[in-house]
Every structure is written in C-alpha cells, then in structure tokens.
C-alpha cells in the first residue's frame, strides 16, 4: 500500500481529485484484505465510513492528535501553508 507524494500546491484546483486517486488504491486493498478475512464489501465500506467520521471528529477537537496530517477539514478551511511547497506544480 503506497501513497504517492502530493504533486500539486494546496491552491491547485485538482489537488482534491489527485488525493482521492492516490488513496483509492489503498482503500481498495483494505477492502480486498477484509474480504479475504470474511468481511463483506459493504460492511467493510460502512465500517471505513464510520471510522473516517470518527477520525474527522477527533481531528476537529485536536488537530495534532495521533500525529495526523494537518490537512484541511472542509472546503471553507484555510489551507495549511506547510503543504504549499515550492517544488509543487502551480
């Protein structure tokens, strides 16, 4: 399970889509692994959604908890300037 490095600056319009594309493979791997262990696809997706909701709530309460990445929590949030590195494409 490999996550590619970000290729776009925080302000790039395709950054969200690029992130989705890079995490999709990892999520599919988790689903496939869960299937081989006897968990159904839908119940695994449901569990993943609940875990993600809980992680979002925890991050909202304490952004530094468990060394979570300082990504934005919603579209109205200010982007994290530490993610706007000079080597990224404009």
PDB file of N, CA and C in Angstrom:
ATOM      1  N   UNK A   1       0.846  -1.161   0.000  1.00  0.00           N
ATOM      2  CA  UNK A   1       0.000   0.000   0.000  1.00  0.00           C
ATOM      3  C   UNK A   1       0.901   1.237   0.000  1.00  0.00           C
ATOM      4  N   UNK A   2       0.958   1.934  -1.126  1.00  0.00           N
ATOM      5  CA  UNK A   2       1.812   3.105  -1.252  1.00  0.00           C
ATOM      6  C   UNK A   2       0.970   4.327  -1.585  1.00  0.00           C
ATOM      7  N   UNK A   3       1.223   5.391  -0.867  1.00  0.00           N
ATOM      8  CA  UNK A   3       0.554   6.663  -1.136  1.00  0.00           C
ATOM      9  C   UNK A   3       1.576   7.566  -1.815  1.00  0.00           C
ATOM     10  N   UNK A   4       1.203   8.080  -2.979  1.00  0.00           N
ATOM     11  CA  UNK A   4       2.097   8.977  -3.712  1.00  0.00           C
ATOM     12  C   UNK A   4       2.196  10.319  -3.015  1.00  0.00           C
ATOM     13  N   UNK A   5       3.329  10.970  -3.197  1.00  0.00           N
ATOM     14  CA  UNK A   5       3.513  12.321  -2.667  1.00  0.00           C
ATOM     15  C   UNK A   5       2.630  13.296  -3.434  1.00  0.00           C
ATOM     16  N   UNK A   6       2.228  14.352  -2.759  1.00  0.00           N
ATOM     17  CA  UNK A   6       1.407  15.386  -3.394  1.00  0.00           C
ATOM     18  C   UNK A   6       2.197  16.028  -4.528  1.00  0.00           C
ATOM     19  N   UNK A   7       1.519  16.235  -5.649  1.00  0.00           N
ATOM     20  CA  UNK A   7       2.163  16.820  -6.821  1.00  0.00           C
ATOM     21  C   UNK A   7       1.673  18.236  -7.100  1.00  0.00           C
ATOM     22  N   UNK A   8       0.661  18.676  -6.359  1.00  0.00           N
ATOM     23  CA  UNK A   8       0.071  19.995  -6.586  1.00  0.00           C
ATOM     24  C   UNK A   8       0.140  20.827  -5.312  1.00  0.00           C
ATOM     25  N   UNK A   9       0.221  22.120  -5.491  1.00  0.00           N
ATOM     26  CA  UNK A   9       0.137  23.042  -4.360  1.00  0.00           C
ATOM     27  C   UNK A   9      -1.269  22.963  -3.765  1.00  0.00           C
ATOM     28  N   UNK A  10      -1.412  23.415  -2.535  1.00  0.00           N
ATOM     29  CA  UNK A  10      -2.701  23.390  -1.843  1.00  0.00           C
ATOM     30  C   UNK A  10      -3.757  24.141  -2.642  1.00  0.00           C
ATOM     31  N   UNK A  11      -3.390  25.196  -3.301  1.00  0.00           N
ATOM     32  CA  UNK A  11      -4.352  26.022  -4.030  1.00  0.00           C
ATOM     33  C   UNK A  11      -4.725  25.472  -5.413  1.00  0.00           C
ATOM     34  N   UNK A  12      -4.078  24.399  -5.860  1.00  0.00           N
ATOM     35  CA  UNK A  12      -4.341  23.844  -7.192  1.00  0.00           C
ATOM     36  C   UNK A  12      -5.755  23.256  -7.240  1.00  0.00           C
ATOM     37  N   UNK A  13      -6.525  23.530  -8.298  1.00  0.00           N
ATOM     38  CA  UNK A  13      -7.914  23.053  -8.372  1.00  0.00           C
ATOM     39  C   UNK A  13      -8.063  21.531  -8.441  1.00  0.00           C
ATOM     40  N   UNK A  14      -7.036  20.814  -8.855  1.00  0.00           N
ATOM     41  CA  UNK A  14      -7.126  19.356  -8.967  1.00  0.00           C
ATOM     42  C   UNK A  14      -6.512  18.619  -7.779  1.00  0.00           C
ATOM     43  N   UNK A  15      -6.085  19.351  -6.755  1.00  0.00           N
ATOM     44  CA  UNK A  15      -5.418  18.706  -5.622  1.00  0.00           C
ATOM     45  C   UNK A  15      -6.326  17.685  -4.933  1.00  0.00           C
ATOM     46  N   UNK A  16      -7.591  18.043  -4.683  1.00  0.00           N
ATOM     47  CA  UNK A  16      -8.506  17.107  -4.017  1.00  0.00           C
ATOM     48  C   UNK A  16      -8.685  15.830  -4.826  1.00  0.00           C
ATOM     49  N   UNK A  17      -8.864  15.972  -6.135  1.00  0.00           N
ATOM     50  CA  UNK A  17      -9.034  14.813  -7.005  1.00  0.00           C
ATOM     51  C   UNK A  17      -7.771  13.946  -6.999  1.00  0.00           C
ATOM     52  N   UNK A  18      -6.612  14.568  -7.043  1.00  0.00           N
ATOM     53  CA  UNK A  18      -5.357  13.817  -7.022  1.00  0.00           C
ATOM     54  C   UNK A  18      -5.212  13.035  -5.717  1.00  0.00           C
ATOM     55  N   UNK A  19      -5.627  13.636  -4.612  1.00  0.00           N
ATOM     56  CA  UNK A  19      -5.568  12.936  -3.326  1.00  0.00           C
ATOM     57  C   UNK A  19      -6.524  11.751  -3.324  1.00  0.00           C
ATOM     58  N   UNK A  20      -7.728  11.952  -3.846  1.00  0.00           N
ATOM     59  CA  UNK A  20      -8.694  10.847  -3.933  1.00  0.00           C
ATOM     60  C   UNK A  20      -8.130   9.692  -4.745  1.00  0.00           C
ATOM     61  N   UNK A  21      -7.518  10.025  -5.872  1.00  0.00           N
ATOM     62  CA  UNK A  21      -6.956   8.988  -6.739  1.00  0.00           C
ATOM     63  C   UNK A  21      -5.833   8.220  -6.043  1.00  0.00           C
ATOM     64  N   UNK A  22      -5.018   8.904  -5.269  1.00  0.00           N
ATOM     65  CA  UNK A  22      -3.902   8.214  -4.629  1.00  0.00           C
ATOM     66  C   UNK A  22      -4.330   7.357  -3.442  1.00  0.00           C
ATOM     67  N   UNK A  23      -5.398   7.747  -2.734  1.00  0.00           N
ATOM     68  CA  UNK A  23      -5.835   6.925  -1.606  1.00  0.00           C
ATOM     69  C   UNK A  23      -6.789   5.808  -2.031  1.00  0.00           C
ATOM     70  N   UNK A  24      -7.374   5.918  -3.223  1.00  0.00           N
ATOM     71  CA  UNK A  24      -8.339   4.903  -3.663  1.00  0.00           C
ATOM     72  C   UNK A  24      -7.723   3.504  -3.695  1.00  0.00           C
ATOM     73  N   UNK A  25      -6.531   3.384  -4.214  1.00  0.00           N
ATOM     74  CA  UNK A  25      -5.882   2.070  -4.285  1.00  0.00           C
ATOM     75  C   UNK A  25      -5.679   1.454  -2.913  1.00  0.00           C
ATOM     76  N   UNK A  26      -5.266   2.285  -1.960  1.00  0.00           N
ATOM     77  CA  UNK A  26      -5.069   1.794  -0.596  1.00  0.00           C
ATOM     78  C   UNK A  26      -6.393   1.332   0.009  1.00  0.00           C
ATOM     79  N   UNK A  27      -7.451   2.083  -0.241  1.00  0.00           N
ATOM     80  CA  UNK A  27      -8.765   1.697   0.281  1.00  0.00           C
ATOM     81  C   UNK A  27      -9.256   0.401  -0.361  1.00  0.00           C
ATOM     82  N   UNK A  28      -9.016   0.252  -1.667  1.00  0.00           N
ATOM     83  CA  UNK A  28      -9.392  -0.991  -2.338  1.00  0.00           C
ATOM     84  C   UNK A  28      -8.607  -2.169  -1.781  1.00  0.00           C
ATOM     85  N   UNK A  29      -7.336  -1.948  -1.441  1.00  0.00           N
ATOM     86  CA  UNK A  29      -6.527  -3.008  -0.823  1.00  0.00           C
ATOM     87  C   UNK A  29      -7.095  -3.418   0.528  1.00  0.00           C
ATOM     88  N   UNK A  30      -7.530  -2.434   1.317  1.00  0.00           N
ATOM     89  CA  UNK A  30      -8.122  -2.730   2.624  1.00  0.00           C
ATOM     90  C   UNK A  30      -9.397  -3.553   2.444  1.00  0.00           C
ATOM     91  N   UNK A  31     -10.235  -3.157   1.493  1.00  0.00           N
ATOM     92  CA  UNK A  31     -11.484  -3.893   1.237  1.00  0.00           C
ATOM     93  C   UNK A  31     -11.173  -5.326   0.797  1.00  0.00           C
ATOM     94  N   UNK A  32     -10.233  -5.486  -0.117  1.00  0.00           N
ATOM     95  CA  UNK A  32      -9.872  -6.826  -0.593  1.00  0.00           C
ATOM     96  C   UNK A  32      -9.325  -7.681   0.542  1.00  0.00           C
ATOM     97  N   UNK A  33      -8.490  -7.101   1.391  1.00  0.00           N
ATOM     98  CA  UNK A  33      -7.937  -7.837   2.527  1.00  0.00           C
ATOM     99  C   UNK A  33      -9.046  -8.236   3.496  1.00  0.00           C
ATOM    100  N   UNK A  34      -9.973  -7.307   3.759  1.00  0.00           N
ATOM    101  CA  UNK A  34     -11.091  -7.621   4.648  1.00  0.00           C
ATOM    102  C   UNK A  34     -11.955  -8.737   4.062  1.00  0.00           C
ATOM    103  N   UNK A  35     -12.158  -8.714   2.743  1.00  0.00           N
ATOM    104  CA  UNK A  35     -12.935  -9.773   2.078  1.00  0.00           C
ATOM    105  C   UNK A  35     -12.296 -11.141   2.290  1.00  0.00           C
ATOM    106  N   UNK A  36     -10.982 -11.207   2.194  1.00  0.00           N
ATOM    107  CA  UNK A  36     -10.304 -12.499   2.370  1.00  0.00           C
ATOM    108  C   UNK A  36     -10.378 -12.984   3.817  1.00  0.00           C
ATOM    109  N   UNK A  37     -10.692 -12.060   4.731  1.00  0.00           N
ATOM    110  CA  UNK A  37     -10.805 -12.422   6.153  1.00  0.00           C
ATOM    111  C   UNK A  37     -12.256 -12.657   6.552  1.00  0.00           C
ATOM    112  N   UNK A  38     -13.167 -12.648   5.558  1.00  0.00           N
ATOM    113  CA  UNK A  38     -14.555 -12.974   5.842  1.00  0.00           C
ATOM    114  C   UNK A  38     -15.494 -11.794   5.996  1.00  0.00           C
ATOM    115  N   UNK A  39     -14.995 -10.581   5.856  1.00  0.00           N
ATOM    116  CA  UNK A  39     -15.843  -9.396   5.955  1.00  0.00           C
ATOM    117  C   UNK A  39     -16.410  -9.078   4.584  1.00  0.00           C
ATOM    118  N   UNK A  40     -17.666  -8.676   4.538  1.00  0.00           N
ATOM    119  CA  UNK A  40     -18.304  -8.308   3.278  1.00  0.00           C
ATOM    120  C   UNK A  40     -17.857  -6.928   2.819  1.00  0.00           C
ATOM    121  N   UNK A  41     -17.970  -6.686   1.522  1.00  0.00           N
ATOM    122  CA  UNK A  41     -17.548  -5.418   0.948  1.00  0.00           C
ATOM    123  C   UNK A  41     -18.334  -4.249   1.537  1.00  0.00           C
ATOM    124  N   UNK A  42     -19.658  -4.360   1.555  1.00  0.00           N
ATOM    125  CA  UNK A  42     -20.478  -3.257   2.054  1.00  0.00           C
ATOM    126  C   UNK A  42     -20.249  -3.017   3.535  1.00  0.00           C
ATOM    127  N   UNK A  43     -20.152  -4.091   4.334  1.00  0.00           N
ATOM    128  CA  UNK A  43     -19.924  -3.875   5.758  1.00  0.00           C
ATOM    129  C   UNK A  43     -18.542  -3.269   6.004  1.00  0.00           C
ATOM    130  N   UNK A  44     -17.575  -3.603   5.162  1.00  0.00           N
ATOM    131  CA  UNK A  44     -16.242  -3.006   5.280  1.00  0.00           C
ATOM    132  C   UNK A  44     -16.289  -1.521   4.918  1.00  0.00           C
ATOM    133  N   UNK A  45     -16.986  -1.196   3.829  1.00  0.00           N
ATOM    134  CA  UNK A  45     -17.123   0.214   3.438  1.00  0.00           C
ATOM    135  C   UNK A  45     -17.858   0.987   4.527  1.00  0.00           C
ATOM    136  N   UNK A  46     -18.921   0.398   5.081  1.00  0.00           N
ATOM    137  CA  UNK A  46     -19.652   1.059   6.166  1.00  0.00           C
ATOM    138  C   UNK A  46     -18.746   1.301   7.372  1.00  0.00           C
ATOM    139  N   UNK A  47     -17.942   0.308   7.706  1.00  0.00           N
ATOM    140  CA  UNK A  47     -17.010   0.454   8.832  1.00  0.00           C
ATOM    141  C   UNK A  47     -15.984   1.543   8.547  1.00  0.00           C
ATOM    142  N   UNK A  48     -15.472   1.577   7.322  1.00  0.00           N
ATOM    143  CA  UNK A  48     -14.498   2.597   6.950  1.00  0.00           C
ATOM    144  C   UNK A  48     -15.109   3.990   7.048  1.00  0.00           C
ATOM    145  N   UNK A  49     -16.362   4.136   6.592  1.00  0.00           N
ATOM    146  CA  UNK A  49     -17.037   5.436   6.676  1.00  0.00           C
ATOM    147  C   UNK A  49     -17.183   5.883   8.128  1.00  0.00           C
ATOM    148  N   UNK A  50     -17.547   4.962   9.007  1.00  0.00           N
ATOM    149  CA  UNK A  50     -17.711   5.302  10.419  1.00  0.00           C
ATOM    150  C   UNK A  50     -16.368   5.674  11.046  1.00  0.00           C
ATOM    151  N   UNK A  51     -15.335   4.924  10.717  1.00  0.00           N
ATOM    152  CA  UNK A  51     -14.008   5.242  11.235  1.00  0.00           C
ATOM    153  C   UNK A  51     -13.563   6.616  10.742  1.00  0.00           C
ATOM    154  N   UNK A  52     -13.812   6.913   9.468  1.00  0.00           N
ATOM    155  CA  UNK A  52     -13.443   8.229   8.926  1.00  0.00           C
ATOM    156  C   UNK A  52     -14.217   9.354   9.609  1.00  0.00           C
ATOM    157  N   UNK A  53     -15.502   9.133   9.882  1.00  0.00           N
ATOM    158  CA  UNK A  53     -16.286  10.140  10.604  1.00  0.00           C
ATOM    159  C   UNK A  53     -15.679  10.392  11.984  1.00  0.00           C
ATOM    160  N   UNK A  54     -15.318   9.304  12.667  1.00  0.00           N
ATOM    161  CA  UNK A  54     -14.724   9.435  13.998  1.00  0.00           C
ATOM    162  C   UNK A  54     -13.366  10.132  13.944  1.00  0.00           C
ATOM    163  N   UNK A  55     -12.572   9.820  12.937  1.00  0.00           N
ATOM    164  CA  UNK A  55     -11.285  10.498  12.781  1.00  0.00           C
ATOM    165  C   UNK A  55     -11.474  11.984  12.519  1.00  0.00           C
ATOM    166  N   UNK A  56     -12.479  12.326  11.689  1.00  0.00           N
ATOM    167  CA  UNK A  56     -12.750  13.748  11.414  1.00  0.00           C
ATOM    168  C   UNK A  56     -13.151  14.465  12.704  1.00  0.00           C
ATOM    169  N   UNK A  57     -14.018  13.846  13.504  1.00  0.00           N
ATOM    170  CA  UNK A  57     -14.421  14.455  14.776  1.00  0.00           C
ATOM    171  C   UNK A  57     -13.222  14.621  15.706  1.00  0.00           C
ATOM    172  N   UNK A  58     -12.402  13.599  15.807  1.00  0.00           N
ATOM    173  CA  UNK A  58     -11.222  13.681  16.667  1.00  0.00           C
ATOM    174  C   UNK A  58     -10.272  14.759  16.176  1.00  0.00           C
ATOM    175  N   UNK A  59     -10.090  14.861  14.872  1.00  0.00           N
ATOM    176  CA  UNK A  59      -9.204  15.871  14.300  1.00  0.00           C
ATOM    177  C   UNK A  59      -9.751  17.271  14.560  1.00  0.00           C
ATOM    178  N   UNK A  60     -11.067  17.436  14.479  1.00  0.00           N
ATOM    179  CA  UNK A  60     -11.689  18.732  14.736  1.00  0.00           C
ATOM    180  C   UNK A  60     -11.431  19.172  16.177  1.00  0.00           C
ATOM    181  N   UNK A  61     -11.474  18.211  17.107  1.00  0.00           N
ATOM    182  CA  UNK A  61     -11.242  18.524  18.517  1.00  0.00           C
ATOM    183  C   UNK A  61      -9.773  18.762  18.823  1.00  0.00           C
ATOM    184  N   UNK A  62      -8.878  17.998  18.183  1.00  0.00           N
ATOM    185  CA  UNK A  62      -7.448  18.128  18.448  1.00  0.00           C
ATOM    186  C   UNK A  62      -6.669  17.808  17.181  1.00  0.00           C
ATOM    187  N   UNK A  63      -6.381  18.820  16.364  1.00  0.00           N
ATOM    188  CA  UNK A  63      -5.705  18.600  15.078  1.00  0.00           C
ATOM    189  C   UNK A  63      -4.336  17.925  15.190  1.00  0.00           C
ATOM    190  N   UNK A  64      -3.681  18.003  16.347  1.00  0.00           N
ATOM    191  CA  UNK A  64      -2.359  17.400  16.488  1.00  0.00           C
ATOM    192  C   UNK A  64      -2.408  15.988  17.069  1.00  0.00           C
ATOM    193  N   UNK A  65      -3.595  15.488  17.370  1.00  0.00           N
ATOM    194  CA  UNK A  65      -3.728  14.164  17.981  1.00  0.00           C
ATOM    195  C   UNK A  65      -3.207  13.077  17.056  1.00  0.00           C
ATOM    196  N   UNK A  66      -2.506  12.132  17.624  1.00  0.00           N
ATOM    197  CA  UNK A  66      -2.019  10.939  16.915  1.00  0.00           C
ATOM    198  C   UNK A  66      -1.225  11.277  15.657  1.00  0.00           C
ATOM    199  N   UNK A  67      -0.497  12.385  15.682  1.00  0.00           N
ATOM    200  CA  UNK A  67       0.349  12.782  14.554  1.00  0.00           C
ATOM    201  C   UNK A  67      -0.385  12.819  13.226  1.00  0.00           C
ATOM    202  N   UNK A  68      -1.664  13.201  13.227  1.00  0.00           N
ATOM    203  CA  UNK A  68      -2.432  13.272  11.984  1.00  0.00           C
ATOM    204  C   UNK A  68      -1.892  14.403  11.127  1.00  0.00           C
ATOM    205  N   UNK A  69      -1.942  14.228   9.812  1.00  0.00           N
ATOM    206  CA  UNK A  69      -1.503  15.260   8.879  1.00  0.00           C
ATOM    207  C   UNK A  69      -2.371  16.491   9.063  1.00  0.00           C
ATOM    208  N   UNK A  70      -1.803  17.665   8.918  1.00  0.00           N
ATOM    209  CA  UNK A  70      -2.553  18.902   9.107  1.00  0.00           C
ATOM    210  C   UNK A  70      -3.235  19.318   7.820  1.00  0.00           C
ATOM    211  N   UNK A  71      -4.068  18.451   7.264  1.00  0.00           N
ATOM    212  CA  UNK A  71      -4.835  18.758   6.048  1.00  0.00           C
ATOM    213  C   UNK A  71      -6.061  19.562   6.441  1.00  0.00           C
ATOM    214  N   UNK A  72      -6.687  20.187   5.458  1.00  0.00           N
ATOM    215  CA  UNK A  72      -7.891  20.947   5.744  1.00  0.00           C
ATOM    216  C   UNK A  72      -9.026  20.002   6.066  1.00  0.00           C
ATOM    217  N   UNK A  73      -9.954  20.443   6.927  1.00  0.00           N
ATOM    218  CA  UNK A  73     -11.063  19.580   7.336  1.00  0.00           C
ATOM    219  C   UNK A  73     -12.303  19.777   6.486  1.00  0.00           C
ATOM    220  N   UNK A  74     -12.409  20.919   5.794  1.00  0.00           N
ATOM    221  CA  UNK A  74     -13.529  21.112   4.880  1.00  0.00           C
ATOM    222  C   UNK A  74     -13.175  22.218   3.899  1.00  0.00           C
ATOM    223  N   UNK A  75     -14.028  22.407   2.912  1.00  0.00           N
ATOM    224  CA  UNK A  75     -13.734  23.344   1.834  1.00  0.00           C
ATOM    225  C   UNK A  75     -13.602  24.782   2.332  1.00  0.00           C
ATOM    226  N   UNK A  76     -14.223  25.129   3.451  1.00  0.00           N
ATOM    227  CA  UNK A  76     -14.165  26.502   3.929  1.00  0.00           C
ATOM    228  C   UNK A  76     -12.933  26.779   4.786  1.00  0.00           C
ATOM    229  N   UNK A  77     -12.168  25.746   5.126  1.00  0.00           N
ATOM    230  CA  UNK A  77     -10.983  25.925   5.957  1.00  0.00           C
ATOM    231  C   UNK A  77      -9.859  26.574   5.173  1.00  0.00           C
ATOM    232  N   UNK A  78      -9.006  27.248   5.895  1.00  0.00           N
ATOM    233  CA  UNK A  78      -7.814  27.809   5.268  1.00  0.00           C
ATOM    234  C   UNK A  78      -6.847  26.676   4.973  1.00  0.00           C
ATOM    235  N   UNK A  79      -6.172  26.703   3.820  1.00  0.00           N
ATOM    236  CA  UNK A  79      -5.197  25.658   3.522  1.00  0.00           C
ATOM    237  C   UNK A  79      -3.997  25.754   4.451  1.00  0.00           C
ATOM    238  N   UNK A  80      -3.378  24.632   4.714  1.00  0.00           N
ATOM    239  CA  UNK A  80      -2.188  24.575   5.553  1.00  0.00           C
ATOM    240  C   UNK A  80      -0.993  25.037   4.735  1.00  0.00           C
ATOM    241  N   UNK A  81      -0.367  26.153   5.086  1.00  0.00           N
ATOM    242  CA  UNK A  81       0.737  26.666   4.282  1.00  0.00           C
ATOM    243  C   UNK A  81       1.926  25.712   4.222  1.00  0.00           C
ATOM    244  N   UNK A  82       2.063  24.793   5.186  1.00  0.00           N
ATOM    245  CA  UNK A  82       3.186  23.862   5.138  1.00  0.00           C
ATOM    246  C   UNK A  82       3.066  22.886   3.971  1.00  0.00           C
ATOM    247  N   UNK A  83       1.856  22.760   3.405  1.00  0.00           N
ATOM    248  CA  UNK A  83       1.656  21.884   2.254  1.00  0.00           C
ATOM    249  C   UNK A  83       1.876  22.601   0.931  1.00  0.00           C
ATOM    250  N   UNK A  84       2.129  23.885   0.970  1.00  0.00           N
ATOM    251  CA  UNK A  84       2.278  24.682  -0.246  1.00  0.00           C
ATOM    252  C   UNK A  84       3.768  24.853  -0.557  1.00  0.00           C
ATOM    253  N   UNK A  85       4.411  23.764  -0.872  1.00  0.00           N
ATOM    254  CA  UNK A  85       5.859  23.765  -1.064  1.00  0.00           C
ATOM    255  C   UNK A  85       6.239  24.210  -2.472  1.00  0.00           C
ATOM    256  N   UNK A  86       7.410  24.822  -2.612  1.00  0.00           N
ATOM    257  CA  UNK A  86       7.824  25.430  -3.859  1.00  0.00           C
ATOM    258  C   UNK A  86       7.980  24.453  -5.034  1.00  0.00           C
ATOM    259  N   UNK A  87       8.286  23.199  -4.788  1.00  0.00           N
ATOM    260  CA  UNK A  87       8.526  22.246  -5.870  1.00  0.00           C
ATOM    261  C   UNK A  87       7.236  21.747  -6.520  1.00  0.00           C
ATOM    262  N   UNK A  88       6.102  22.006  -5.895  1.00  0.00           N
ATOM    263  CA  UNK A  88       4.827  21.547  -6.456  1.00  0.00           C
ATOM    264  C   UNK A  88       4.490  22.345  -7.707  1.00  0.00           C
ATOM    265  N   UNK A  89       3.723  21.705  -8.594  1.00  0.00           N
ATOM    266  CA  UNK A  89       3.303  22.450  -9.791  1.00  0.00           C
ATOM    267  C   UNK A  89       2.290  23.514  -9.389  1.00  0.00           C
ATOM    268  N   UNK A  90       2.261  24.598 -10.132  1.00  0.00           N
ATOM    269  CA  UNK A  90       1.301  25.673  -9.821  1.00  0.00           C
ATOM    270  C   UNK A  90      -0.116  25.260 -10.115  1.00  0.00           C
TER     271      UNK A  90
END
